[in-house]
Amino acid sequence: MKYLIMLFLTVFAATVFAQDQAQQPTEQTQLSAGQIFSLHHARTYQAAIRYNDYGVAKQALYGILVENPQNDSILYSLSLLYFQTQNYPSAALTARDVLILNPENVSAMEIAAISYDNVGAKDKALEQYESLYLKTDDFQTLYKMAFLQYELKSYTESKTNADILLSKKEAEELNAVFNDAEGNQKEYPIKVALLNLKGMIAQAEGDAKSAESLYQQALAISPDFQMAKESLASLKK
């Protein structure tokens, strides 16, 4: 994705040159101070990205943003840079401001959702995932929503969404990565995670019989699925 940002800034710089040359019929193009600063910072950003110097790249983006405060594309580039470097608090804040300028930016919604989740703001993460799902009807987004709803104890909503997910063809086709008994990452059918989720909901609601049945269904598909084994063990304590 960083190459998309670089492409944007290359186009941005070229656009400034083109606009000014169109406005100036003389041989010597005169740029305003703001345009000179923007071009300088755009070139600095491109060089910094080329050499993986994200600190300099971030400062360059701020330089461009100061001269173009209403440009949501520049702010989005900054948010994406924070996200790529796992600075989730800043990624969430900048993505939020992108959405103020452009409420339809689904990429900013995703950055905000993942970033809020990583800083523990589960309710804000769920809010962004819900907005994202309304725009995309994406299976993975609804999957994340279902688990967040469980964590927030919204069991009815979580169960409803788990059932919707299980009814979709993707539930039979997609895999998800979880740790096995040795702590190694392994792919499992996403269906077993959803069955386990429904089991956890049933257990939280006090329906031990349904919970056990759902855990067993998950283990029938993937006998080594550690989450279901642990869930079943907790049920029998």
Protein backbone atom coordinates (compact mmCIF):
# COMPACT_ATOMS: atom_id res chain seq x y z
CA MET A 1 0.00 0.00 0.00
CA LYS A 2 2.90 2.38 0.58
CA TYR A 3 3.46 2.46 -3.18
CA LEU A 4 -0.04 3.84 -3.63
CA ILE A 5 0.86 6.69 -1.29
CA MET A 6 4.04 7.35 -3.23
CA LEU A 7 2.04 7.38 -6.46
CA PHE A 8 -0.41 9.87 -4.97
CA LEU A 9 2.35 12.24 -3.91
CA THR A 10 4.10 11.95 -7.26
CA VAL A 11 0.84 12.91 -8.96
CA PHE A 12 0.31 15.64 -6.37
CA ALA A 13 3.70 17.18 -7.13
CA ALA A 14 3.20 16.94 -10.87
CA THR A 15 -0.23 18.51 -10.54
CA VAL A 16 1.16 21.53 -8.69
CA PHE A 17 3.77 22.02 -11.42
CA ALA A 18 1.16 21.66 -14.17
CA GLN A 19 -1.23 24.10 -12.55
CA ASP A 20 1.39 26.74 -12.09
CA GLN A 21 2.82 26.39 -15.56
CA ALA A 22 -0.67 26.78 -16.95
CA GLN A 23 -1.10 29.93 -14.93
CA GLN A 24 2.31 31.35 -15.87
CA PRO A 25 2.86 31.93 -19.58
CA THR A 26 6.44 33.11 -19.01
CA GLU A 27 9.44 30.78 -19.25
CA GLN A 28 10.21 31.05 -15.54
CA THR A 29 7.45 29.51 -13.45
CA GLN A 30 6.87 31.31 -10.16
CA LEU A 31 5.53 29.21 -7.33
CA SER A 32 3.98 30.49 -4.14
CA ALA A 33 5.77 29.82 -0.87
CA GLY A 34 3.15 27.22 0.07
CA GLN A 35 3.56 25.41 -3.24
CA ILE A 36 7.33 25.38 -2.90
CA PHE A 37 7.04 23.89 0.60
CA SER A 38 4.52 21.28 -0.61
CA LEU A 39 6.75 20.21 -3.50
CA HIS A 40 9.79 20.04 -1.25
CA HIS A 41 7.99 17.87 1.28
CA ALA A 42 6.49 15.66 -1.45
CA ARG A 43 9.96 14.97 -2.84
CA THR A 44 11.31 14.40 0.67
CA TYR A 45 8.52 11.92 1.31
CA GLN A 46 9.26 10.00 -1.87
CA ALA A 47 12.95 9.76 -0.99
CA ALA A 48 12.20 8.71 2.59
CA ILE A 49 9.82 5.97 1.48
CA ARG A 50 12.41 4.75 -1.02
CA TYR A 51 14.92 4.29 1.80
CA ASN A 52 12.38 3.05 4.38
CA ASP A 53 12.89 6.07 6.64
CA TYR A 54 9.37 6.31 8.01
CA GLY A 55 10.19 9.01 10.54
CA VAL A 56 11.28 11.41 7.81
CA ALA A 57 8.34 10.32 5.64
CA LYS A 58 5.94 11.18 8.46
CA GLN A 59 7.43 14.63 8.94
CA ALA A 60 7.24 15.27 5.20
CA LEU A 61 3.55 14.37 5.19
CA TYR A 62 2.95 16.80 8.03
CA GLY A 63 4.69 19.48 5.99
CA ILE A 64 2.34 18.86 3.07
CA LEU A 65 -0.69 18.66 5.36
CA VAL A 66 0.04 22.05 6.92
CA GLU A 67 -0.19 23.63 3.47
CA ASN A 68 -3.22 21.54 2.45
CA PRO A 69 -5.28 21.01 5.64
CA GLN A 70 -8.51 20.09 3.84
CA ASN A 71 -6.93 17.44 1.61
CA ASP A 72 -8.24 14.17 2.98
CA SER A 73 -5.96 12.15 0.69
CA ILE A 74 -2.85 13.55 2.37
CA LEU A 75 -4.32 12.94 5.82
CA TYR A 76 -5.23 9.40 4.76
CA SER A 77 -1.63 8.83 3.63
CA LEU A 78 -0.46 9.90 7.08
CA SER A 79 -2.97 7.61 8.75
CA LEU A 80 -1.87 4.71 6.59
CA LEU A 81 1.77 5.37 7.46
CA TYR A 82 0.95 5.30 11.16
CA PHE A 83 -0.98 2.08 10.62
CA GLN A 84 1.85 0.41 8.70
CA THR A 85 4.28 1.24 11.49
CA GLN A 86 1.80 -0.09 14.09
CA ASN A 87 1.33 3.26 15.81
CA TYR A 88 -2.31 2.44 16.40
CA PRO A 89 -3.32 5.40 18.62
CA SER A 90 -2.17 7.90 15.99
CA ALA A 91 -3.58 5.76 13.17
CA ALA A 92 -7.00 5.78 14.85
CA LEU A 93 -6.97 9.55 15.44
CA THR A 94 -5.89 10.43 11.91
CA ALA A 95 -8.37 7.97 10.38
CA ARG A 96 -11.11 9.56 12.47
CA ASP A 97 -10.22 12.97 11.04
CA VAL A 98 -10.15 11.56 7.49
CA LEU A 99 -13.71 10.38 8.03
CA ILE A 100 -14.75 13.84 9.18
CA LEU A 101 -13.53 15.19 5.84
CA ASN A 102 -14.69 12.21 3.80
CA PRO A 103 -17.26 9.96 5.55
CA GLU A 104 -17.29 7.56 2.55
CA ASN A 105 -13.62 6.54 2.81
CA VAL A 106 -13.91 2.81 3.50
CA SER A 107 -10.13 2.37 3.82
CA ALA A 108 -10.09 4.92 6.63
CA MET A 109 -12.97 3.06 8.28
CA GLU A 110 -10.91 -0.13 8.22
CA ILE A 111 -7.81 1.58 9.61
CA ALA A 112 -9.90 3.14 12.38
CA ALA A 113 -11.60 -0.16 13.22
CA ILE A 114 -8.40 -2.21 13.41
CA SER A 115 -6.54 0.54 15.27
CA TYR A 116 -9.26 1.05 17.87
CA ASP A 117 -9.33 -2.71 18.39
CA ASN A 118 -5.57 -2.81 18.93
CA VAL A 119 -5.69 -0.09 21.58
CA GLY A 120 -8.55 -1.82 23.40
CA ALA A 121 -11.33 0.59 22.42
CA LYS A 122 -13.64 -2.28 21.49
CA ASP A 123 -16.83 -0.23 21.35
CA LYS A 124 -15.31 2.29 18.93
CA ALA A 125 -13.82 -0.52 16.87
CA LEU A 126 -17.23 -2.18 16.59
CA GLU A 127 -18.81 1.11 15.54
CA GLN A 128 -16.32 1.46 12.69
CA TYR A 129 -16.71 -2.17 11.63
CA GLU A 130 -20.47 -1.70 11.50
CA SER A 131 -20.07 1.34 9.25
CA LEU A 132 -17.62 -0.59 7.09
CA TYR A 133 -19.96 -3.57 6.78
CA LEU A 134 -22.83 -1.35 5.64
CA LYS A 135 -20.59 -0.14 2.82
CA THR A 136 -18.98 -3.44 1.83
CA ASP A 137 -21.15 -6.38 2.94
CA ASP A 138 -17.81 -8.11 3.59
CA PHE A 139 -17.70 -11.55 5.24
CA GLN A 140 -14.50 -10.88 7.19
CA THR A 141 -15.87 -7.60 8.54
CA LEU A 142 -19.03 -9.29 9.85
CA TYR A 143 -16.82 -12.07 11.30
CA LYS A 144 -14.85 -9.49 13.27
CA MET A 145 -18.06 -7.79 14.36
CA ALA A 146 -19.44 -11.05 15.76
CA PHE A 147 -16.38 -11.60 17.95
CA LEU A 148 -16.30 -8.00 19.15
CA GLN A 149 -19.98 -8.21 20.04
CA TYR A 150 -19.22 -11.31 22.12
CA GLU A 151 -16.39 -9.49 23.91
CA LEU A 152 -18.76 -6.60 24.62
CA LYS A 153 -21.38 -9.07 25.93
CA SER A 154 -23.84 -8.27 23.14
CA TYR A 155 -24.66 -11.95 22.91
CA THR A 156 -27.87 -11.74 20.88
CA GLU A 157 -26.22 -9.64 18.16
CA SER A 158 -23.13 -11.84 18.17
CA LYS A 159 -25.16 -15.03 17.80
CA THR A 160 -27.30 -13.53 15.03
CA ASN A 161 -24.22 -12.53 13.06
CA ALA A 162 -22.56 -15.91 13.64
CA ASP A 163 -25.66 -17.59 12.17
CA ILE A 164 -25.59 -15.23 9.18
CA LEU A 165 -21.92 -16.07 8.62
CA LEU A 166 -22.51 -19.81 8.89
CA SER A 167 -25.24 -19.55 6.25
CA LYS A 168 -22.84 -18.02 3.72
CA LYS A 169 -20.78 -20.07 1.28
CA GLU A 170 -17.59 -18.45 2.56
CA ALA A 171 -18.03 -20.34 5.83
CA GLU A 172 -17.31 -23.55 3.92
CA GLU A 173 -14.45 -22.10 1.88
CA LEU A 174 -12.40 -19.77 4.06
CA ASN A 175 -9.73 -20.53 6.65
CA ALA A 176 -8.49 -18.59 9.66
CA VAL A 177 -5.17 -18.82 11.49
CA PHE A 178 -5.06 -19.91 15.14
CA ASN A 179 -2.44 -21.36 17.46
CA ASP A 180 -2.34 -25.13 17.85
CA ALA A 181 -1.52 -26.98 21.10
CA GLU A 182 2.21 -26.28 20.64
CA GLY A 183 1.65 -22.58 20.06
CA ASN A 184 2.36 -22.79 16.33
CA GLN A 185 0.13 -20.97 13.89
CA LYS A 186 -2.07 -23.19 11.76
CA GLU A 187 -4.97 -22.68 9.38
CA TYR A 188 -8.37 -24.02 10.35
CA PRO A 189 -11.73 -23.83 8.58
CA ILE A 190 -13.37 -20.58 9.63
CA LYS A 191 -16.51 -22.59 10.33
CA VAL A 192 -14.95 -24.17 13.43
CA ALA A 193 -14.21 -20.73 14.88
CA LEU A 194 -17.82 -19.70 14.33
CA LEU A 195 -19.17 -22.86 15.95
CA ASN A 196 -16.83 -22.28 18.88
CA LEU A 197 -18.06 -18.69 19.11
CA LYS A 198 -21.67 -19.87 19.27
CA GLY A 199 -20.63 -22.34 21.95
CA MET A 200 -19.03 -19.56 24.01
CA ILE A 201 -22.19 -17.48 23.69
CA ALA A 202 -24.34 -20.40 24.82
CA GLN A 203 -21.98 -21.01 27.75
CA ALA A 204 -22.08 -17.32 28.74
CA GLU A 205 -25.88 -17.47 28.67
CA GLY A 206 -25.89 -20.54 30.92
CA ASP A 207 -26.89 -23.10 28.27
CA ALA A 208 -24.22 -25.73 28.96
CA LYS A 209 -25.89 -28.44 26.86
CA SER A 210 -25.96 -26.33 23.69
CA ALA A 211 -22.44 -25.10 24.36
CA GLU A 212 -21.10 -28.64 24.61
CA SER A 213 -22.87 -29.67 21.41
CA LEU A 214 -21.37 -26.71 19.51
CA TYR A 215 -17.86 -27.38 20.81
CA GLN A 216 -18.18 -31.01 19.76
CA GLN A 217 -19.34 -29.95 16.27
CA ALA A 218 -16.24 -27.80 15.93
CA LEU A 219 -13.97 -30.64 17.08
CA ALA A 220 -15.68 -33.08 14.71
CA ILE A 221 -14.42 -30.89 11.86
CA SER A 222 -10.98 -30.10 13.36
CA PRO A 223 -10.10 -32.43 16.26
CA ASP A 224 -6.98 -30.43 17.11
CA PHE A 225 -8.68 -27.03 17.23
CA GLN A 226 -7.26 -25.81 20.52
CA MET A 227 -9.83 -23.11 21.24
CA ALA A 228 -12.71 -25.61 21.12
CA LYS A 229 -10.75 -28.09 23.26
CA GLU A 230 -10.11 -25.40 25.86
CA SER A 231 -13.72 -24.23 25.70
CA LEU A 232 -14.98 -27.76 26.25
CA ALA A 233 -12.57 -28.27 29.13
CA SER A 234 -13.75 -25.05 30.80
CA LEU A 235 -17.34 -26.21 30.48
CA LYS A 236 -16.60 -29.39 32.41
CA LYS A 237 -14.87 -27.70 35.34
